[in-house]
Amino acid sequence: MNSCKYDVLCLTETNLKLHSPPLIISGYTLHHYDRKHTRGGGVAILVRSMVKSKIVQTKTQSSTGIELITTCVQFGFLKSILITCVYRSPVYTKTSLGNDINIELTIQRNQ
């Protein structure tokens, strides 16, 4: 991974749990949100350690099967950006996903 010099990576189906050994990837800060009550799932954002970052939102919608994590990332003195990693269950429709993403974007704009 370091040879490609990725600054940010988004992962789904991480299957990390509260009592799992921590996932340590040299040179990166891991921000993750784990599925709590069922197996599988989970979302994560890896950010290069020299880049300033923090989690601003995590969410699970059990009725729709969507999981997301949003991280605020700032490269040097540049304006910060929000990066969101979204997982959707295979039974979740594209239309529903589009609607939920639009709702999340509206919420973010109004904060």
C-alpha atoms as a PDB file:
ATOM      1  CA  MET A   1       0.000   0.000   0.000  1.00  0.00           C
ATOM      2  CA  ASN A   2       2.757   2.447   0.882  1.00  0.00           C
ATOM      3  CA  SER A   3       4.408   1.990  -2.524  1.00  0.00           C
ATOM      4  CA  CYS A   4       1.249   3.367  -4.190  1.00  0.00           C
ATOM      5  CA  LYS A   5       1.164   6.358  -1.825  1.00  0.00           C
ATOM      6  CA  TYR A   6      -2.579   6.301  -1.209  1.00  0.00           C
ATOM      7  CA  ASP A   7      -3.642   9.121   1.102  1.00  0.00           C
ATOM      8  CA  VAL A   8      -7.131   7.761   1.830  1.00  0.00           C
ATOM      9  CA  LEU A   9      -8.644   4.289   1.440  1.00  0.00           C
ATOM     10  CA  CYS A  10     -12.275   3.317   2.068  1.00  0.00           C
ATOM     11  CA  LEU A  11     -13.068  -0.270   3.086  1.00  0.00           C
ATOM     12  CA  THR A  12     -16.329  -2.173   3.465  1.00  0.00           C
ATOM     13  CA  GLU A  13     -17.067  -5.607   4.932  1.00  0.00           C
ATOM     14  CA  THR A  14     -14.217  -5.113   7.412  1.00  0.00           C
ATOM     15  CA  ASN A  15     -15.736  -7.597   9.871  1.00  0.00           C
ATOM     16  CA  LEU A  16     -13.939  -5.853  12.740  1.00  0.00           C
ATOM     17  CA  LYS A  17     -15.508  -6.323  16.152  1.00  0.00           C
ATOM     18  CA  LEU A  18     -15.095  -4.616  19.514  1.00  0.00           C
ATOM     19  CA  HIS A  19     -13.047  -7.518  20.895  1.00  0.00           C
ATOM     20  CA  SER A  20     -11.046  -8.209  17.704  1.00  0.00           C
ATOM     21  CA  PRO A  21      -7.313  -7.548  17.686  1.00  0.00           C
ATOM     22  CA  PRO A  22      -6.740  -4.014  16.378  1.00  0.00           C
ATOM     23  CA  LEU A  23      -6.042  -3.625  12.674  1.00  0.00           C
ATOM     24  CA  ILE A  24      -2.702  -1.834  12.411  1.00  0.00           C
ATOM     25  CA  ILE A  25      -1.418  -0.729   9.025  1.00  0.00           C
ATOM     26  CA  SER A  26       1.913   1.042   9.210  1.00  0.00           C
ATOM     27  CA  GLY A  27       1.721   4.683   8.154  1.00  0.00           C
ATOM     28  CA  TYR A  28      -2.068   4.943   8.432  1.00  0.00           C
ATOM     29  CA  THR A  29      -4.696   5.995  10.952  1.00  0.00           C
ATOM     30  CA  LEU A  30      -7.731   3.696  11.011  1.00  0.00           C
ATOM     31  CA  HIS A  31     -11.209   5.138  11.516  1.00  0.00           C
ATOM     32  CA  HIS A  32     -13.828   2.384  11.656  1.00  0.00           C
ATOM     33  CA  TYR A  33     -17.418   1.658  12.525  1.00  0.00           C
ATOM     34  CA  ASP A  34     -18.258  -1.943  13.306  1.00  0.00           C
ATOM     35  CA  ARG A  35     -21.487  -3.831  12.927  1.00  0.00           C
ATOM     36  CA  LYS A  36     -22.658  -4.502  16.464  1.00  0.00           C
ATOM     37  CA  HIS A  37     -25.296  -7.235  16.476  1.00  0.00           C
ATOM     38  CA  THR A  38     -24.814  -9.368  13.379  1.00  0.00           C
ATOM     39  CA  ARG A  39     -21.846 -10.949  11.669  1.00  0.00           C
ATOM     40  CA  GLY A  40     -19.932  -9.396   8.792  1.00  0.00           C
ATOM     41  CA  GLY A  41     -20.261  -5.807   7.728  1.00  0.00           C
ATOM     42  CA  GLY A  42     -18.398  -2.821   9.025  1.00  0.00           C
ATOM     43  CA  VAL A  43     -16.901   0.200   7.269  1.00  0.00           C
ATOM     44  CA  ALA A  44     -13.527   1.873   7.629  1.00  0.00           C
ATOM     45  CA  ILE A  45     -11.462   4.743   6.296  1.00  0.00           C
ATOM     46  CA  LEU A  46      -7.671   4.552   6.374  1.00  0.00           C
ATOM     47  CA  VAL A  47      -5.901   7.933   6.265  1.00  0.00           C
ATOM     48  CA  ARG A  48      -2.162   8.413   5.819  1.00  0.00           C
ATOM     49  CA  SER A  49      -0.754   9.234   9.275  1.00  0.00           C
ATOM     50  CA  MET A  50       0.721  12.591   8.220  1.00  0.00           C
ATOM     51  CA  VAL A  51      -2.750  13.781   7.128  1.00  0.00           C
ATOM     52  CA  LYS A  52      -4.965  15.345   9.799  1.00  0.00           C
ATOM     53  CA  SER A  53      -8.261  13.463  10.162  1.00  0.00           C
ATOM     54  CA  LYS A  54     -11.147  12.787  12.540  1.00  0.00           C
ATOM     55  CA  ILE A  55     -14.444  10.909  12.528  1.00  0.00           C
ATOM     56  CA  VAL A  56     -17.447  13.211  12.220  1.00  0.00           C
ATOM     57  CA  GLN A  57     -20.258  10.676  11.837  1.00  0.00           C
ATOM     58  CA  THR A  58     -21.054   6.986  12.063  1.00  0.00           C
ATOM     59  CA  LYS A  59     -24.440   5.514  11.349  1.00  0.00           C
ATOM     60  CA  THR A  60     -26.315   2.272  10.857  1.00  0.00           C
ATOM     61  CA  GLN A  61     -29.847   2.158   9.568  1.00  0.00           C
ATOM     62  CA  SER A  62     -31.101  -1.271  10.541  1.00  0.00           C
ATOM     63  CA  SER A  63     -34.298  -0.852   8.527  1.00  0.00           C
ATOM     64  CA  THR A  64     -32.376  -0.323   5.281  1.00  0.00           C
ATOM     65  CA  GLY A  65     -29.115  -2.151   5.895  1.00  0.00           C
ATOM     66  CA  ILE A  66     -26.914   0.859   5.185  1.00  0.00           C
ATOM     67  CA  GLU A  67     -23.748   1.519   7.214  1.00  0.00           C
ATOM     68  CA  LEU A  68     -21.587   4.611   6.895  1.00  0.00           C
ATOM     69  CA  ILE A  69     -18.637   6.446   8.353  1.00  0.00           C
ATOM     70  CA  THR A  70     -17.674  10.048   7.544  1.00  0.00           C
ATOM     71  CA  THR A  71     -14.208  11.412   8.214  1.00  0.00           C
ATOM     72  CA  CYS A  72     -13.025  15.005   7.968  1.00  0.00           C
ATOM     73  CA  VAL A  73      -9.619  15.111   6.253  1.00  0.00           C
ATOM     74  CA  GLN A  74      -7.298  18.108   5.943  1.00  0.00           C
ATOM     75  CA  PHE A  75      -4.243  18.062   3.702  1.00  0.00           C
ATOM     76  CA  GLY A  76      -1.748  20.617   5.040  1.00  0.00           C
ATOM     77  CA  PHE A  77      -3.231  24.105   5.096  1.00  0.00           C
ATOM     78  CA  LEU A  78      -5.813  23.341   2.443  1.00  0.00           C
ATOM     79  CA  LYS A  79      -9.526  23.385   3.143  1.00  0.00           C
ATOM     80  CA  SER A  80     -10.761  20.204   4.826  1.00  0.00           C
ATOM     81  CA  ILE A  81     -12.970  17.734   2.978  1.00  0.00           C
ATOM     82  CA  LEU A  82     -15.467  15.126   4.124  1.00  0.00           C
ATOM     83  CA  ILE A  83     -15.020  11.553   2.941  1.00  0.00           C
ATOM     84  CA  THR A  84     -17.819   9.056   3.484  1.00  0.00           C
ATOM     85  CA  CYS A  85     -17.586   5.301   3.101  1.00  0.00           C
ATOM     86  CA  VAL A  86     -20.962   3.613   2.590  1.00  0.00           C
ATOM     87  CA  TYR A  87     -21.876  -0.062   2.649  1.00  0.00           C
ATOM     88  CA  ARG A  88     -25.231  -1.274   1.462  1.00  0.00           C
ATOM     89  CA  SER A  89     -26.677  -4.720   1.899  1.00  0.00           C
ATOM     90  CA  PRO A  90     -27.130  -6.654  -1.363  1.00  0.00           C
ATOM     91  CA  VAL A  91     -30.908  -6.597  -0.849  1.00  0.00           C
ATOM     92  CA  TYR A  92     -30.927  -2.799  -0.594  1.00  0.00           C
ATOM     93  CA  THR A  93     -32.222  -1.195  -3.806  1.00  0.00           C
ATOM     94  CA  LYS A  94     -30.264   1.387  -5.807  1.00  0.00           C
ATOM     95  CA  THR A  95     -33.207   3.797  -5.592  1.00  0.00           C
ATOM     96  CA  SER A  96     -33.273   3.570  -1.798  1.00  0.00           C
ATOM     97  CA  LEU A  97     -29.499   4.035  -1.678  1.00  0.00           C
ATOM     98  CA  GLY A  98     -29.745   7.166  -3.836  1.00  0.00           C
ATOM     99  CA  ASN A  99     -32.496   8.585  -1.618  1.00  0.00           C
ATOM    100  CA  ASP A 100     -30.527   7.913   1.571  1.00  0.00           C
ATOM    101  CA  ILE A 101     -27.343   9.435   0.142  1.00  0.00           C
ATOM    102  CA  ASN A 102     -29.273  12.582  -0.824  1.00  0.00           C
ATOM    103  CA  ILE A 103     -30.658  12.804   2.720  1.00  0.00           C
ATOM    104  CA  GLU A 104     -27.149  12.436   4.216  1.00  0.00           C
ATOM    105  CA  LEU A 105     -25.778  15.108   1.846  1.00  0.00           C
ATOM    106  CA  THR A 106     -28.560  17.490   2.886  1.00  0.00           C
ATOM    107  CA  ILE A 107     -27.817  16.863   6.575  1.00  0.00           C
ATOM    108  CA  GLN A 108     -24.083  17.493   6.030  1.00  0.00           C
ATOM    109  CA  ARG A 109     -24.736  20.744   4.134  1.00  0.00           C
ATOM    110  CA  ASN A 110     -26.952  22.053   6.944  1.00  0.00           C
ATOM    111  CA  GLN A 111     -24.458  21.370   9.755  1.00  0.00           C
END
